[in-house]
Protein backbone atom coordinates (compact mmCIF):
# COMPACT_ATOMS: atom_id res chain seq x y z
CA MET A 1 -32.75 -26.45 53.32
CA LYS A 2 -32.10 -26.57 49.55
CA LYS A 3 -34.32 -23.54 48.92
CA ARG A 4 -32.26 -21.05 50.92
CA PRO A 5 -29.57 -20.53 48.23
CA LYS A 6 -32.32 -19.72 45.73
CA VAL A 7 -33.82 -17.15 48.09
CA LYS A 8 -30.41 -15.57 48.62
CA THR A 9 -29.82 -15.55 44.89
CA ILE A 10 -33.16 -13.86 44.27
CA ILE A 11 -32.40 -11.22 46.93
CA ILE A 12 -28.95 -10.58 45.47
CA PHE A 13 -30.35 -10.21 41.95
CA PHE A 14 -33.08 -7.94 43.26
CA LEU A 15 -30.57 -5.70 45.03
CA LEU A 16 -28.36 -5.64 41.94
CA ALA A 17 -31.34 -4.68 39.82
CA VAL A 18 -32.22 -1.87 42.23
CA VAL A 19 -28.63 -0.61 42.25
CA MET A 20 -28.38 -0.82 38.46
CA GLY A 21 -31.69 1.00 38.13
CA MET A 22 -30.50 3.77 40.45
CA LEU A 23 -27.22 4.08 38.53
CA LEU A 24 -29.09 4.21 35.22
CA PHE A 25 -31.45 6.84 36.62
CA ALA A 26 -28.52 8.91 37.93
CA ALA A 27 -26.69 8.64 34.60
CA THR A 28 -29.68 9.84 32.59
CA LEU A 29 -30.46 12.83 34.82
CA ARG A 30 -29.80 16.26 33.28
CA ILE A 31 -29.90 19.79 34.69
CA SER A 32 -32.78 21.57 32.98
CA VAL A 33 -32.96 24.87 34.89
CA ILE A 34 -30.05 27.25 35.53
CA THR A 35 -30.43 30.62 37.24
CA CYS A 36 -27.51 33.06 37.19
CA GLU A 37 -27.22 36.02 39.56
CA GLY A 38 -24.62 38.79 39.57
CA ASN A 39 -23.78 38.59 35.85
CA GLU A 40 -23.96 41.85 33.92
CA LYS A 41 -21.09 41.65 31.45
CA CYS A 42 -21.51 37.97 30.60
CA SER A 43 -24.90 36.61 29.49
CA GLN A 44 -26.44 33.50 31.03
CA GLU A 45 -26.24 31.78 27.65
CA SER A 46 -22.49 32.37 27.53
CA ILE A 47 -22.03 31.10 31.10
CA GLU A 48 -23.97 27.92 30.33
CA ALA A 49 -21.92 27.40 27.16
CA TYR A 50 -18.69 27.44 29.20
CA LEU A 51 -20.07 25.30 32.04
CA PHE A 52 -21.73 22.66 29.86
CA LYS A 53 -19.45 21.98 26.92
CA LYS A 54 -20.47 18.30 26.84
CA ASP A 55 -23.84 16.67 27.42
CA MET A 56 -22.54 14.78 30.46
CA ASP A 57 -21.54 18.09 32.07
CA ARG A 58 -25.27 18.67 32.62
CA ASN A 59 -25.51 15.59 34.79
CA PRO A 60 -26.07 16.95 38.33
CA PHE A 61 -23.60 14.53 39.96
CA VAL A 62 -20.89 15.32 37.42
CA PHE A 63 -21.59 19.05 37.78
CA LEU A 64 -21.45 18.87 41.59
CA PHE A 65 -18.14 16.98 41.48
CA GLN A 66 -16.62 19.51 39.08
CA SER A 67 -17.91 22.46 41.10
CA PHE A 68 -16.71 21.33 44.51
CA PHE A 69 -13.56 19.35 43.75
CA LEU A 70 -12.16 21.07 40.65
CA ASP A 71 -11.21 24.69 40.00
CA ASN A 72 -13.78 27.06 38.51
CA LYS A 73 -13.86 26.96 34.72
CA GLU A 74 -12.41 30.04 33.03
CA ILE A 75 -15.22 32.29 31.78
CA PRO A 76 -14.53 35.72 30.24
CA PHE A 77 -15.18 38.68 32.60
CA ILE A 78 -15.89 36.37 35.56
CA GLU A 79 -13.57 36.23 38.58
CA LYS A 80 -15.29 33.25 40.21
CA TYR A 81 -18.67 31.65 40.75
CA ASP A 82 -20.48 29.60 43.41
CA VAL A 83 -22.92 26.77 42.78
CA GLU A 84 -26.10 26.11 44.76
CA MET A 85 -28.31 23.07 44.20
CA VAL A 86 -32.03 23.81 44.29
CA SER A 87 -32.95 20.29 43.15
CA LEU A 88 -31.30 17.56 41.09
CA THR A 89 -32.42 19.29 37.91
CA GLU A 90 -32.19 22.93 39.01
CA PHE A 91 -29.09 24.89 40.03
CA LYS A 92 -28.30 28.49 40.93
CA ILE A 93 -24.99 30.13 39.88
CA ASN A 94 -23.78 33.12 41.90
CA VAL A 95 -21.42 35.06 39.64
CA TYR A 96 -18.67 37.46 40.74
CA GLU A 97 -17.52 39.48 37.75
CA LYS A 98 -14.15 41.14 37.25
CA SER A 99 -13.96 44.86 37.97
CA ILE A 100 -13.56 46.59 34.60
CA ILE A 101 -13.63 50.34 33.85
CA GLY A 102 -12.25 50.58 30.31
CA TYR A 103 -10.54 48.89 27.40
CA LEU A 104 -7.94 49.49 24.70
CA LYS A 105 -7.76 47.86 21.30
CA TYR A 106 -4.60 46.09 20.20
CA MET A 107 -4.21 44.01 17.04
CA GLY A 108 -7.97 43.55 16.72
CA THR A 109 -8.57 42.46 20.31
CA CYS A 110 -10.06 44.30 23.28
CA MET A 111 -7.91 44.56 26.39
CA TYR A 112 -10.03 45.33 29.44
CA PHE A 113 -8.43 46.88 32.51
CA ASP A 114 -9.47 47.58 36.10
CA LYS A 115 -9.21 50.72 38.25
CA ASP A 116 -5.51 50.03 38.84
CA GLY A 117 -4.75 49.82 35.13
CA ILE A 118 -4.17 46.08 35.23
CA VAL A 119 -5.30 44.12 32.16
CA VAL A 120 -7.78 41.54 33.45
CA GLU A 121 -9.33 40.26 30.21
CA VAL A 122 -8.40 39.97 26.55
CA THR A 123 -11.19 39.06 24.14
CA ASP A 124 -12.75 39.89 20.77
CA THR A 125 -15.98 40.94 22.50
CA GLU A 126 -16.79 44.66 22.81
CA LEU A 127 -18.97 45.26 25.86
CA GLU A 128 -21.59 48.00 25.87
CA GLY A 129 -21.19 50.53 28.66
CA ILE A 130 -17.41 50.08 28.95
CA VAL A 131 -15.42 53.02 27.61
CA ASN A 132 -12.93 52.56 24.78
CA ILE A 133 -9.70 54.57 25.10
CA ARG A 134 -7.84 55.54 21.93
CA GLY A 135 -4.55 57.29 21.27
CA ILE A 136 -2.50 55.35 23.85
CA GLU A 137 0.69 53.88 22.41
CA PHE A 138 2.23 50.56 23.51
CA ASP A 139 3.88 47.63 21.78
CA HIS A 140 2.83 44.62 23.84
CA ILE A 141 0.31 43.49 26.43
CA VAL A 142 0.39 40.98 29.28
CA VAL A 143 -2.71 39.78 31.13
CA ASN A 144 -2.67 40.47 34.89
CA GLU A 145 -0.05 43.18 34.46
CA LYS A 146 -0.34 46.97 34.16
CA ILE A 147 -0.89 48.57 30.76
CA PRO A 148 2.65 49.10 29.38
CA VAL A 149 2.44 52.81 28.52
CA LYS A 150 5.59 54.85 27.95
CA ASP A 151 5.39 57.10 31.01
CA LYS A 152 3.58 57.51 34.34
CA ALA A 153 1.81 60.71 33.25
CA THR A 154 0.05 58.86 30.42
CA PHE A 155 -0.87 56.02 32.76
CA ASP A 156 -2.28 58.43 35.37
CA THR A 157 -4.31 60.31 32.75
CA LEU A 158 -5.71 57.05 31.43
CA LEU A 159 -6.85 55.99 34.90
CA ASP A 160 -8.12 59.44 35.91
CA ILE A 161 -10.52 59.81 32.99
CA THR A 162 -11.78 56.23 32.96
CA GLN A 163 -12.47 56.24 36.70
CA LEU A 164 -14.32 59.57 36.48
CA ILE A 165 -16.41 58.45 33.51
CA ASP A 166 -17.27 55.25 35.37
CA TYR A 167 -18.10 57.13 38.60
CA TYR A 168 -20.43 59.64 36.94
CA GLY A 169 -21.98 57.03 34.65
CA ILE A 170 -21.31 58.95 31.44
CA HIS A 171 -21.70 56.84 28.30
CA THR A 172 -19.19 57.74 25.58
CA ASP A 173 -18.57 56.28 22.14
CA TYR A 174 -14.88 56.50 22.91
CA ILE A 175 -12.22 58.73 24.48
CA ASP A 176 -9.13 60.02 22.70
CA ILE A 177 -5.92 60.91 24.57
CA ASN A 178 -3.31 62.51 22.31
CA LYS A 179 0.45 62.76 22.78
CA LYS A 180 0.05 66.03 24.71
CA LEU A 181 -2.31 64.16 27.08
CA GLU A 182 -5.24 66.27 25.94
CA ILE A 183 -8.54 64.45 26.45
CA THR A 184 -11.47 64.45 24.03
CA LEU A 185 -14.75 62.65 24.70
CA TYR A 186 -16.96 61.55 21.81
CA LEU A 187 -20.65 61.53 22.72
CA ASP A 188 -22.66 60.55 19.66
CA LYS A 189 -22.30 63.68 17.45
CA VAL A 190 -20.70 65.85 20.12
CA ARG A 191 -16.98 66.19 20.86
CA VAL A 192 -16.15 67.31 24.38
CA GLU A 193 -12.67 68.83 24.54
CA LEU A 194 -11.49 68.60 28.15
CA GLY A 195 -7.93 69.69 27.49
CA GLU A 196 -5.12 68.36 29.65
CA ASP A 197 -5.53 66.28 32.78
CA ASP A 198 -5.35 69.19 35.24
CA ASN A 199 -6.46 69.77 38.82
CA PHE A 200 -10.02 70.47 37.66
CA LEU A 201 -10.67 67.31 35.64
CA SER A 202 -13.07 65.93 38.26
CA GLU A 203 -15.00 69.21 38.38
CA LYS A 204 -15.23 69.31 34.60
CA ILE A 205 -16.66 65.78 34.43
CA ASN A 206 -19.10 66.66 37.20
CA ASP A 207 -20.27 69.68 35.17
CA LEU A 208 -20.53 67.52 32.05
CA SER A 209 -22.74 64.99 33.85
CA SER A 210 -25.20 67.77 34.71
CA ILE A 211 -25.48 69.19 31.17
CA ILE A 212 -25.12 66.02 29.10
CA THR A 213 -28.86 65.77 28.40
CA VAL A 214 -28.72 69.20 26.70
CA LEU A 215 -26.21 67.81 24.21
CA GLU A 216 -28.57 65.16 22.87
CA ASN A 217 -29.47 65.42 19.15
CA VAL A 218 -26.99 68.24 18.45
CA ASP A 219 -23.73 68.31 16.47
CA GLY A 220 -20.70 70.27 17.54
CA VAL A 221 -17.84 70.81 19.96
CA LEU A 222 -18.09 71.60 23.66
CA ASP A 223 -15.00 73.50 24.79
CA MET A 224 -14.12 72.57 28.39
CA HIS A 225 -10.41 73.36 28.28
CA GLU A 226 -10.82 75.90 31.05
CA TYR A 227 -12.83 75.02 34.15
CA SER A 228 -15.73 77.43 34.65
CA THR A 229 -15.23 78.87 38.13
CA SER A 230 -17.51 81.86 37.69
CA ASP A 231 -20.68 80.05 36.56
CA LYS A 232 -20.25 81.43 33.04
CA GLY A 233 -20.51 77.98 31.61
CA TYR A 234 -18.70 76.59 28.57
CA THR A 235 -18.65 77.40 24.88
CA PHE A 236 -20.47 75.15 22.42
CA LYS A 237 -19.84 75.46 18.69
CA ARG A 238 -22.17 73.75 16.24
CA ASP A 239 -20.65 71.89 13.30
């Protein structure tokens, strides 16, 4: 009869040891493999840097708690992300990036806007493949609000050209819009003068997309002020 307490004590200590061992094992686990899908503007290295700012953030149980019970961490150019667990040490991140078609520079920062002209991101990073618009005047900027240009005509011109460039996949060094709302595209060593935002802007950009390969490795100005309706083409002047 006197031995039973010892047996119970041994069982209790054994169970405590098992529990402590499991807790220690769980605490020392770290996520070693991360796979990101859907990210084009933000690199996987950048995403991991924002997700795992501390060593303990790589613990799978901590990461799962943060992912399912806390709001998504703010990551530049990313609207939201979902987390899938492949194993305790491997996770998959499904990324949903913000829709961006262009950016303006203001006081050394890049202000990225979407197809509606709403500023969705402000950062020092200049993304490749996103067109830079110059010549637009404004004196302040507010994230999640429309670009504060002086008049609707300027705003419409800004959106028209950026949406067309994005649609036709034309890569430009930058686009200049002057006070008369005349548009000039800079393609390496070629300046494409589109003139004002008229009823034929879409047709002009369509024509440009079909002849852009001819403009490679040449210097000069392509005059597209007037839309070519008679298949005569456009005038190119070498520098």
